[in-house]
Amino acid sequence: MANEPTSTDINALLDDLDAGVFRDKVGQALSAVAAGIIATGKAGKVTVTFDMKQIDDARQISCTHKVSKIEPTLKGKRTEENTTSTPLHVGRGGKLTLFPENQGKFDFQPEGQSNTQRA
C-alpha cells in the first residue's frame, strides 16, 4: 500500500462516474462536434466541468460532472449540456475512488451458519 500512487487514476475515475455513462457522453459529444465541424467548416466546442463539494464531515465528496457541447450546424449551432453527480471517496493525497482505499472484506454468512463453518 505504501507504493500505491496517491494521485487519481483518471481512466478508472471516468469508468466510475455515473457508472461509466459519463465517459460515453463525452465520447458522443466529441464525435458529434467533430462531425459538425467537418460538415460546416465552422468551429465547435466540448467542455467538461467537475464541481466538487464535501459530503457532511466524511472523507467523501459529491462530484458533479457536466459535459457541454456547441455543435456547428449549417444555419447556426446546436448546444447541449448534461449534468450528473457521483459520490466519491477521498484517499491519501486526494486520490479519488468510488470505494474507500481501506475497504474491508464483508463476511456474509448464510442464516444459521457460524463463522467457523465455511463452504
Protein backbone atom coordinates (compact mmCIF):
# COMPACT_ATOMS: atom_id res chain seq x y z
CA MET A 1 0.00 0.00 0.00
CA ALA A 2 2.93 2.33 0.61
CA ASN A 3 3.96 2.08 -3.06
CA GLU A 4 0.47 2.83 -4.39
CA PRO A 5 0.10 6.15 -6.23
CA THR A 6 -1.71 8.91 -4.35
CA SER A 7 -2.97 10.72 -7.43
CA THR A 8 -6.28 9.96 -9.08
CA ASP A 9 -6.29 7.36 -11.86
CA ILE A 10 -8.32 9.33 -14.42
CA ASN A 11 -9.17 6.26 -16.53
CA ALA A 12 -10.60 4.40 -13.53
CA LEU A 13 -12.41 7.55 -12.39
CA LEU A 14 -14.06 8.09 -15.78
CA ASP A 15 -15.22 4.47 -15.70
CA ASP A 16 -16.80 5.09 -12.27
CA LEU A 17 -18.53 8.43 -12.94
CA ASP A 18 -22.25 7.88 -13.45
CA ALA A 19 -21.50 4.12 -13.69
CA GLY A 20 -19.42 4.62 -16.85
CA VAL A 21 -22.10 6.55 -18.69
CA PHE A 22 -20.22 9.85 -18.34
CA ARG A 23 -17.29 8.51 -20.40
CA ASP A 24 -19.76 7.57 -23.16
CA LYS A 25 -21.39 11.02 -23.03
CA VAL A 26 -18.02 12.72 -23.51
CA GLY A 27 -17.19 10.42 -26.45
CA GLN A 28 -20.54 11.08 -28.10
CA ALA A 29 -20.18 14.84 -27.65
CA LEU A 30 -16.68 14.81 -29.16
CA SER A 31 -17.89 12.80 -32.17
CA ALA A 32 -20.98 14.97 -32.77
CA VAL A 33 -18.98 18.20 -32.62
CA ALA A 34 -16.24 16.81 -34.87
CA ALA A 35 -18.84 15.69 -37.44
CA GLY A 36 -20.45 19.15 -37.34
CA ILE A 37 -17.10 20.83 -37.86
CA ILE A 38 -16.35 18.71 -40.93
CA ALA A 39 -19.86 19.26 -42.34
CA THR A 40 -19.84 23.04 -41.91
CA GLY A 41 -16.22 24.17 -41.67
CA LYS A 42 -17.16 26.09 -38.50
CA ALA A 43 -15.59 25.73 -35.05
CA GLY A 44 -17.22 23.77 -32.25
CA LYS A 45 -16.57 23.17 -28.60
CA VAL A 46 -16.81 20.43 -25.95
CA THR A 47 -16.40 21.41 -22.30
CA VAL A 48 -16.07 19.02 -19.36
CA THR A 49 -16.58 20.51 -15.89
CA PHE A 50 -16.14 18.94 -12.45
CA ASP A 51 -17.65 20.70 -9.42
CA MET A 52 -16.88 19.09 -6.06
CA LYS A 53 -18.11 19.60 -2.51
CA GLN A 54 -17.63 17.65 0.71
CA ILE A 55 -20.41 15.35 1.89
CA ASP A 56 -21.12 16.26 5.52
CA ASP A 57 -17.88 15.76 7.51
CA ALA A 58 -16.89 12.50 5.81
CA ARG A 59 -13.86 11.83 3.61
CA GLN A 60 -16.22 11.85 0.67
CA ILE A 61 -17.16 14.39 -1.95
CA SER A 62 -20.07 14.81 -4.29
CA CYS A 63 -18.57 15.23 -7.76
CA THR A 64 -20.94 16.94 -10.17
CA HIS A 65 -19.75 16.27 -13.70
CA LYS A 66 -21.00 18.13 -16.73
CA VAL A 67 -20.37 17.76 -20.43
CA SER A 68 -21.42 20.66 -22.66
CA LYS A 69 -21.16 20.89 -26.41
CA ILE A 70 -21.56 23.53 -29.06
CA GLU A 71 -22.07 21.70 -32.34
CA PRO A 72 -21.94 23.79 -35.52
CA THR A 73 -24.80 23.37 -37.98
CA LEU A 74 -25.35 24.81 -41.45
CA LYS A 75 -27.69 27.52 -40.10
CA GLY A 76 -26.14 28.16 -36.70
CA LYS A 77 -25.27 25.90 -33.80
CA ARG A 78 -26.75 23.25 -31.53
CA THR A 79 -25.95 23.38 -27.82
CA GLU A 80 -26.47 20.69 -25.23
CA GLU A 81 -25.50 20.29 -21.59
CA ASN A 82 -25.77 17.17 -19.44
CA THR A 83 -25.07 17.16 -15.70
CA THR A 84 -24.93 14.22 -13.28
CA SER A 85 -23.15 13.57 -9.98
CA THR A 86 -21.33 10.71 -8.26
CA PRO A 87 -20.25 10.37 -4.62
CA LEU A 88 -16.50 9.64 -4.37
CA HIS A 89 -14.10 8.74 -1.59
CA VAL A 90 -11.01 10.88 -1.00
CA GLY A 91 -7.92 8.84 -0.10
CA ARG A 92 -4.31 9.67 0.67
CA GLY A 93 -3.03 12.65 -1.27
CA GLY A 94 -6.54 13.42 -2.54
CA LYS A 95 -6.85 10.24 -4.62
CA LEU A 96 -10.47 9.94 -5.81
CA THR A 97 -12.03 6.49 -5.92
CA LEU A 98 -15.53 5.04 -5.97
CA PHE A 99 -14.74 2.84 -2.95
CA PRO A 100 -12.60 3.68 0.09
CA GLU A 101 -8.93 2.66 -0.15
CA ASN A 102 -9.14 0.62 3.03
CA GLN A 103 -12.42 -1.14 2.24
CA GLY A 104 -12.61 -4.15 4.50
CA LYS A 105 -13.87 -7.54 3.42
CA PHE A 106 -17.51 -8.18 4.19
CA ASP A 107 -18.00 -11.59 5.74
CA PHE A 108 -21.56 -12.52 4.88
CA GLN A 109 -22.80 -15.76 6.39
CA PRO A 110 -25.92 -17.63 5.36
CA GLU A 111 -28.52 -17.66 8.11
CA GLY A 112 -27.81 -20.33 10.73
CA GLN A 113 -24.14 -20.78 9.72
CA SER A 114 -21.39 -19.74 12.13
CA ASN A 115 -18.13 -18.02 11.25
CA THR A 116 -16.23 -21.29 11.64
CA GLN A 117 -18.32 -23.14 9.05
CA ARG A 118 -17.16 -22.44 5.50
CA ALA A 119 -18.39 -23.97 2.29
